[in-house]
Structures are given as C-alpha cells and as structure tokens.
Amino acid sequence: MIDLFLKLDDQMDEINFLVFFNACAELGNEKGLKLGKQIYSKFLSQQIKRKEFNEKVLHAVLNMFIKCSDIDNAEKLFKQLNKNSISYGCMMTMYNNQNESDKTLALYEEMKREKIETDELIWILIINALAELGDLLTCELITSELPEKFFNNIQIQNALINMWVSEKKIIHNQ
C-alpha cells in the first residue's frame, strides 16, 4: 500500500493521503513514522500553496503520530487543529497509554471550556485516567459530572468498577 502511494507522487489527493497516513499509523513503527513525516512535509507544502488545510488529512496525520509514539509532534499538531471529540479522544488515549492521566484530565477540562460534547468513549478514557491517578476526591468530583444517560452503558459501568477498585487499593495501601 505504502509503496503504491509513493509511486503516485504528483497525483496525491485527499483519499490517497488518508489511506497513506492510516497505513503508516498501522505500521506503528519508526519506518512508518519516517515515511509519514516525509509525505506530511509534501502535504503541508501543497496545502500552503493552495492556502487551505484539509482537516481530515491532518487528523489522519495526528493518528499516525500517536500510533507511532511521536508524542511531541502529536502535541504540536493537536494545538493547530480545529478540535473535536475524535481528536481529543486520540490524545487522551495516547496520554493514558503513556500513564499521563493528568494530561487526559487537563484535556477533559479543555473540552468543557470549549463546549465540546463528551461521548461514551471520552468518558471511558476519563474514568480510566482517574483509575490511574488514584485521587479519591478528584474521582468523586469528576464522576459526579457523568451524565445520567451513560449509567446504563456496560463499558462505563466496568470502567467505574475498575476505578473504584483501584481507589480502594490505593486507600488501603496508605
């Protein structure tokens, strides 16, 4: 897939870029990241010439940076994007995987300020970050904001159980 894309060179369009960056993300390794950065550079120069920026492709690039563990570039690109729940969810997943729950919770606070709606996935990521954080007061405060419509979601119920079990272990060990 990647080799085929590289042969297109001058015929790159939105779909080709999306497929390419998703393929690099699926590789999730240094090779995928290196190729992705090279094409991202070409993509940016193309976009600057046209004075437009394709948000869909930029979100695919963000996903590639995250899956290839390029945290610095993911954070830089995230700051430049028109953010939505998907981009926030990608960043939260990355921070949770890096055991940086405080950054996940900071993104949640940013989402509230920006009035971006939280869905089930975002809440699961938040609850998982709370479980890792191990701060009972913060858990109580943030879970009190959980909309009632999500209480019947089995994944959220499981995440809450995991969080409270984690909290009990932390309190017991202190």
C-alpha atoms as a PDB file:
ATOM      1  CA  MET A   1       0.000   0.000   0.000  1.00  0.00           C
ATOM      2  CA  ILE A   2       2.676   2.489   1.016  1.00  0.00           C
ATOM      3  CA  ASP A   3       4.896   1.599  -1.956  1.00  0.00           C
ATOM      4  CA  LEU A   4       1.992   2.162  -4.337  1.00  0.00           C
ATOM      5  CA  PHE A   5       1.279   5.549  -2.801  1.00  0.00           C
ATOM      6  CA  LEU A   6       4.901   6.642  -3.137  1.00  0.00           C
ATOM      7  CA  LYS A   7       4.675   5.985  -6.908  1.00  0.00           C
ATOM      8  CA  LEU A   8       1.736   8.416  -7.221  1.00  0.00           C
ATOM      9  CA  ASP A   9       3.857  11.416  -6.144  1.00  0.00           C
ATOM     10  CA  ASP A  10       2.173  14.170  -8.238  1.00  0.00           C
ATOM     11  CA  GLN A  11      -1.283  12.597  -8.151  1.00  0.00           C
ATOM     12  CA  MET A  12      -1.808  12.832  -4.413  1.00  0.00           C
ATOM     13  CA  ASP A  13      -5.348  13.738  -3.386  1.00  0.00           C
ATOM     14  CA  GLU A  14      -7.255  13.657  -0.111  1.00  0.00           C
ATOM     15  CA  ILE A  15      -8.165   9.979  -0.326  1.00  0.00           C
ATOM     16  CA  ASN A  16      -4.617   8.953  -1.175  1.00  0.00           C
ATOM     17  CA  PHE A  17      -3.265  10.962   1.746  1.00  0.00           C
ATOM     18  CA  LEU A  18      -5.843   9.459   4.125  1.00  0.00           C
ATOM     19  CA  VAL A  19      -5.028   5.916   3.040  1.00  0.00           C
ATOM     20  CA  PHE A  20      -1.289   6.553   3.219  1.00  0.00           C
ATOM     21  CA  PHE A  21      -1.257   8.122   6.709  1.00  0.00           C
ATOM     22  CA  ASN A  22      -3.570   5.406   8.027  1.00  0.00           C
ATOM     23  CA  ALA A  23      -1.215   2.761   6.612  1.00  0.00           C
ATOM     24  CA  CYS A  24       1.737   4.454   8.339  1.00  0.00           C
ATOM     25  CA  ALA A  25      -0.274   4.539  11.569  1.00  0.00           C
ATOM     26  CA  GLU A  26      -0.998   0.835  11.277  1.00  0.00           C
ATOM     27  CA  LEU A  27       2.720   0.130  10.932  1.00  0.00           C
ATOM     28  CA  GLY A  28       3.142   1.983  14.222  1.00  0.00           C
ATOM     29  CA  ASN A  29       6.919   1.865  13.984  1.00  0.00           C
ATOM     30  CA  GLU A  30       9.920   4.024  13.079  1.00  0.00           C
ATOM     31  CA  LYS A  31       9.668   3.150   9.370  1.00  0.00           C
ATOM     32  CA  GLY A  32       6.018   4.222   9.231  1.00  0.00           C
ATOM     33  CA  LEU A  33       6.797   7.404  11.113  1.00  0.00           C
ATOM     34  CA  LYS A  34       9.748   8.304   8.876  1.00  0.00           C
ATOM     35  CA  LEU A  35       7.758   7.783   5.669  1.00  0.00           C
ATOM     36  CA  GLY A  36       4.777   9.583   7.158  1.00  0.00           C
ATOM     37  CA  LYS A  37       6.861  12.614   8.111  1.00  0.00           C
ATOM     38  CA  GLN A  38       8.320  12.814   4.591  1.00  0.00           C
ATOM     39  CA  ILE A  39       4.891  12.785   2.961  1.00  0.00           C
ATOM     40  CA  TYR A  40       3.460  15.084   5.641  1.00  0.00           C
ATOM     41  CA  SER A  41       6.090  17.638   4.658  1.00  0.00           C
ATOM     42  CA  LYS A  42       4.990  17.388   0.998  1.00  0.00           C
ATOM     43  CA  PHE A  43       1.358  17.577   2.049  1.00  0.00           C
ATOM     44  CA  LEU A  44       1.987  20.747   4.063  1.00  0.00           C
ATOM     45  CA  SER A  45       3.820  22.466   1.222  1.00  0.00           C
ATOM     46  CA  GLN A  46       0.944  21.547  -1.114  1.00  0.00           C
ATOM     47  CA  GLN A  47      -1.614  22.892   1.358  1.00  0.00           C
ATOM     48  CA  ILE A  48       0.331  26.122   1.939  1.00  0.00           C
ATOM     49  CA  LYS A  49       0.467  26.779  -1.824  1.00  0.00           C
ATOM     50  CA  ARG A  50      -3.297  26.355  -2.008  1.00  0.00           C
ATOM     51  CA  LYS A  51      -3.811  28.337   1.216  1.00  0.00           C
ATOM     52  CA  GLU A  52      -6.033  25.588   2.588  1.00  0.00           C
ATOM     53  CA  PHE A  53      -5.681  22.858   5.170  1.00  0.00           C
ATOM     54  CA  ASN A  54      -7.535  19.582   4.912  1.00  0.00           C
ATOM     55  CA  GLU A  55      -8.691  18.781   8.445  1.00  0.00           C
ATOM     56  CA  LYS A  56      -9.481  15.136   7.654  1.00  0.00           C
ATOM     57  CA  VAL A  57      -5.941  14.516   6.481  1.00  0.00           C
ATOM     58  CA  LEU A  58      -4.487  16.427   9.434  1.00  0.00           C
ATOM     59  CA  HIS A  59      -6.493  14.189  11.793  1.00  0.00           C
ATOM     60  CA  ALA A  60      -5.061  11.145   9.994  1.00  0.00           C
ATOM     61  CA  VAL A  61      -1.563  12.591  10.497  1.00  0.00           C
ATOM     62  CA  LEU A  62      -2.356  13.112  14.198  1.00  0.00           C
ATOM     63  CA  ASN A  63      -3.435   9.471  14.431  1.00  0.00           C
ATOM     64  CA  MET A  64      -0.190   8.416  12.745  1.00  0.00           C
ATOM     65  CA  PHE A  65       1.932  10.425  15.187  1.00  0.00           C
ATOM     66  CA  ILE A  66       0.042   8.915  18.117  1.00  0.00           C
ATOM     67  CA  LYS A  67       0.238   5.306  16.911  1.00  0.00           C
ATOM     68  CA  CYS A  68       3.937   5.731  16.102  1.00  0.00           C
ATOM     69  CA  SER A  69       4.517   7.172  19.622  1.00  0.00           C
ATOM     70  CA  ASP A  70       5.684  10.571  18.377  1.00  0.00           C
ATOM     71  CA  ILE A  71       4.229  12.487  21.305  1.00  0.00           C
ATOM     72  CA  ASP A  72       5.969  15.797  20.575  1.00  0.00           C
ATOM     73  CA  ASN A  73       4.660  16.055  17.019  1.00  0.00           C
ATOM     74  CA  ALA A  74       1.219  14.829  18.081  1.00  0.00           C
ATOM     75  CA  GLU A  75       1.003  17.586  20.688  1.00  0.00           C
ATOM     76  CA  LYS A  76       2.215  20.255  18.225  1.00  0.00           C
ATOM     77  CA  LEU A  77      -0.292  19.225  15.572  1.00  0.00           C
ATOM     78  CA  PHE A  78      -3.133  18.898  18.086  1.00  0.00           C
ATOM     79  CA  LYS A  79      -2.632  22.542  19.121  1.00  0.00           C
ATOM     80  CA  GLN A  80      -3.096  23.627  15.497  1.00  0.00           C
ATOM     81  CA  LEU A  81      -6.217  21.592  14.705  1.00  0.00           C
ATOM     82  CA  ASN A  82      -9.849  22.544  14.814  1.00  0.00           C
ATOM     83  CA  LYS A  83     -10.525  20.172  17.680  1.00  0.00           C
ATOM     84  CA  ASN A  84     -13.420  17.762  18.044  1.00  0.00           C
ATOM     85  CA  SER A  85     -14.229  14.802  20.274  1.00  0.00           C
ATOM     86  CA  ILE A  86     -12.267  12.481  17.967  1.00  0.00           C
ATOM     87  CA  SER A  87      -9.034  14.470  18.201  1.00  0.00           C
ATOM     88  CA  TYR A  88      -9.464  14.799  21.965  1.00  0.00           C
ATOM     89  CA  GLY A  89     -10.117  11.070  22.233  1.00  0.00           C
ATOM     90  CA  CYS A  90      -6.962  10.276  20.264  1.00  0.00           C
ATOM     91  CA  MET A  91      -4.856  12.464  22.530  1.00  0.00           C
ATOM     92  CA  MET A  92      -6.482  11.073  25.683  1.00  0.00           C
ATOM     93  CA  THR A  93      -5.783   7.527  24.506  1.00  0.00           C
ATOM     94  CA  MET A  94      -2.149   8.426  23.923  1.00  0.00           C
ATOM     95  CA  TYR A  95      -1.806  10.027  27.350  1.00  0.00           C
ATOM     96  CA  ASN A  96      -3.499   7.096  29.073  1.00  0.00           C
ATOM     97  CA  ASN A  97      -1.148   4.705  27.277  1.00  0.00           C
ATOM     98  CA  GLN A  98       1.796   6.814  28.458  1.00  0.00           C
ATOM     99  CA  ASN A  99       0.440   6.794  32.067  1.00  0.00           C
ATOM    100  CA  GLU A 100      -0.069  10.556  31.936  1.00  0.00           C
ATOM    101  CA  SER A 101      -3.572  10.663  33.380  1.00  0.00           C
ATOM    102  CA  ASP A 102      -3.164  14.272  34.496  1.00  0.00           C
ATOM    103  CA  LYS A 103      -2.860  15.312  30.832  1.00  0.00           C
ATOM    104  CA  THR A 104      -6.002  13.348  29.952  1.00  0.00           C
ATOM    105  CA  LEU A 105      -7.892  15.155  32.694  1.00  0.00           C
ATOM    106  CA  ALA A 106      -6.497  18.513  31.532  1.00  0.00           C
ATOM    107  CA  LEU A 107      -7.893  17.768  28.062  1.00  0.00           C
ATOM    108  CA  TYR A 108     -11.259  16.990  29.635  1.00  0.00           C
ATOM    109  CA  GLU A 109     -11.231  20.405  31.316  1.00  0.00           C
ATOM    110  CA  GLU A 110     -10.316  21.994  27.972  1.00  0.00           C
ATOM    111  CA  MET A 111     -13.224  20.195  26.310  1.00  0.00           C
ATOM    112  CA  LYS A 112     -15.572  21.651  28.903  1.00  0.00           C
ATOM    113  CA  ARG A 113     -14.224  25.170  28.333  1.00  0.00           C
ATOM    114  CA  GLU A 114     -14.544  24.730  24.553  1.00  0.00           C
ATOM    115  CA  LYS A 115     -18.058  23.246  24.984  1.00  0.00           C
ATOM    116  CA  ILE A 116     -17.154  20.075  23.083  1.00  0.00           C
ATOM    117  CA  GLU A 117     -19.575  17.296  23.945  1.00  0.00           C
ATOM    118  CA  THR A 118     -18.235  14.228  25.702  1.00  0.00           C
ATOM    119  CA  ASP A 119     -19.450  10.878  24.424  1.00  0.00           C
ATOM    120  CA  GLU A 120     -19.178   7.368  25.875  1.00  0.00           C
ATOM    121  CA  LEU A 121     -15.640   6.853  24.609  1.00  0.00           C
ATOM    122  CA  ILE A 122     -14.408  10.119  26.117  1.00  0.00           C
ATOM    123  CA  TRP A 123     -15.973   9.201  29.455  1.00  0.00           C
ATOM    124  CA  ILE A 124     -14.320   5.777  29.421  1.00  0.00           C
ATOM    125  CA  LEU A 125     -10.952   7.448  28.756  1.00  0.00           C
ATOM    126  CA  ILE A 126     -11.572   9.931  31.582  1.00  0.00           C
ATOM    127  CA  ILE A 127     -12.589   7.201  34.034  1.00  0.00           C
ATOM    128  CA  ASN A 128      -9.536   5.126  33.069  1.00  0.00           C
ATOM    129  CA  ALA A 129      -7.338   8.175  33.705  1.00  0.00           C
ATOM    130  CA  LEU A 130      -8.988   8.621  37.101  1.00  0.00           C
ATOM    131  CA  ALA A 131      -8.291   4.973  37.953  1.00  0.00           C
ATOM    132  CA  GLU A 132      -4.617   5.546  37.148  1.00  0.00           C
ATOM    133  CA  LEU A 133      -4.495   8.866  39.008  1.00  0.00           C
ATOM    134  CA  GLY A 134      -5.590   7.368  42.303  1.00  0.00           C
ATOM    135  CA  ASP A 135      -7.045  10.529  43.845  1.00  0.00           C
ATOM    136  CA  LEU A 136     -10.362   9.821  45.567  1.00  0.00           C
ATOM    137  CA  LEU A 137     -11.523  13.451  45.687  1.00  0.00           C
ATOM    138  CA  THR A 138     -10.806  14.017  42.008  1.00  0.00           C
ATOM    139  CA  CYS A 139     -12.617  10.769  41.143  1.00  0.00           C
ATOM    140  CA  GLU A 140     -15.675  11.821  43.100  1.00  0.00           C
ATOM    141  CA  LEU A 141     -15.664  15.328  41.642  1.00  0.00           C
ATOM    142  CA  ILE A 142     -15.308  14.307  38.014  1.00  0.00           C
ATOM    143  CA  THR A 143     -17.597  11.269  38.095  1.00  0.00           C
ATOM    144  CA  SER A 144     -20.318  13.476  39.596  1.00  0.00           C
ATOM    145  CA  GLU A 145     -20.295  15.219  36.176  1.00  0.00           C
ATOM    146  CA  LEU A 146     -21.020  11.952  34.344  1.00  0.00           C
ATOM    147  CA  PRO A 147     -24.375  12.406  32.562  1.00  0.00           C
ATOM    148  CA  GLU A 148     -27.068  10.062  33.769  1.00  0.00           C
ATOM    149  CA  LYS A 149     -27.701   8.814  30.226  1.00  0.00           C
ATOM    150  CA  PHE A 150     -24.367   6.926  30.387  1.00  0.00           C
ATOM    151  CA  PHE A 151     -25.070   4.993  33.593  1.00  0.00           C
ATOM    152  CA  ASN A 152     -26.584   2.056  31.681  1.00  0.00           C
ATOM    153  CA  ASN A 153     -23.571   1.704  29.380  1.00  0.00           C
ATOM    154  CA  ILE A 154     -21.821  -1.559  30.307  1.00  0.00           C
ATOM    155  CA  GLN A 155     -18.375  -0.271  29.305  1.00  0.00           C
ATOM    156  CA  ILE A 156     -18.760   2.790  31.510  1.00  0.00           C
ATOM    157  CA  GLN A 157     -20.038   0.604  34.360  1.00  0.00           C
ATOM    158  CA  ASN A 158     -16.969  -1.629  34.025  1.00  0.00           C
ATOM    159  CA  ALA A 159     -14.644   1.379  33.894  1.00  0.00           C
ATOM    160  CA  LEU A 160     -16.265   2.804  37.034  1.00  0.00           C
ATOM    161  CA  ILE A 161     -15.921  -0.519  38.853  1.00  0.00           C
ATOM    162  CA  ASN A 162     -12.253  -0.669  37.854  1.00  0.00           C
ATOM    163  CA  MET A 163     -11.745   2.924  39.031  1.00  0.00           C
ATOM    164  CA  TRP A 164     -13.359   2.390  42.432  1.00  0.00           C
ATOM    165  CA  VAL A 165     -11.495  -0.903  42.946  1.00  0.00           C
ATOM    166  CA  SER A 166      -8.238   0.909  42.102  1.00  0.00           C
ATOM    167  CA  GLU A 167      -9.128   3.668  44.551  1.00  0.00           C
ATOM    168  CA  LYS A 168      -9.874   1.174  47.305  1.00  0.00           C
ATOM    169  CA  LYS A 169      -6.474  -0.492  46.775  1.00  0.00           C
ATOM    170  CA  ILE A 170      -4.715   2.878  46.974  1.00  0.00           C
ATOM    171  CA  ILE A 171      -6.555   3.915  50.127  1.00  0.00           C
ATOM    172  CA  HIS A 172      -5.945   0.505  51.712  1.00  0.00           C
ATOM    173  CA  ASN A 173      -2.189   0.647  50.966  1.00  0.00           C
ATOM    174  CA  GLN A 174      -1.743   4.108  52.507  1.00  0.00           C
END
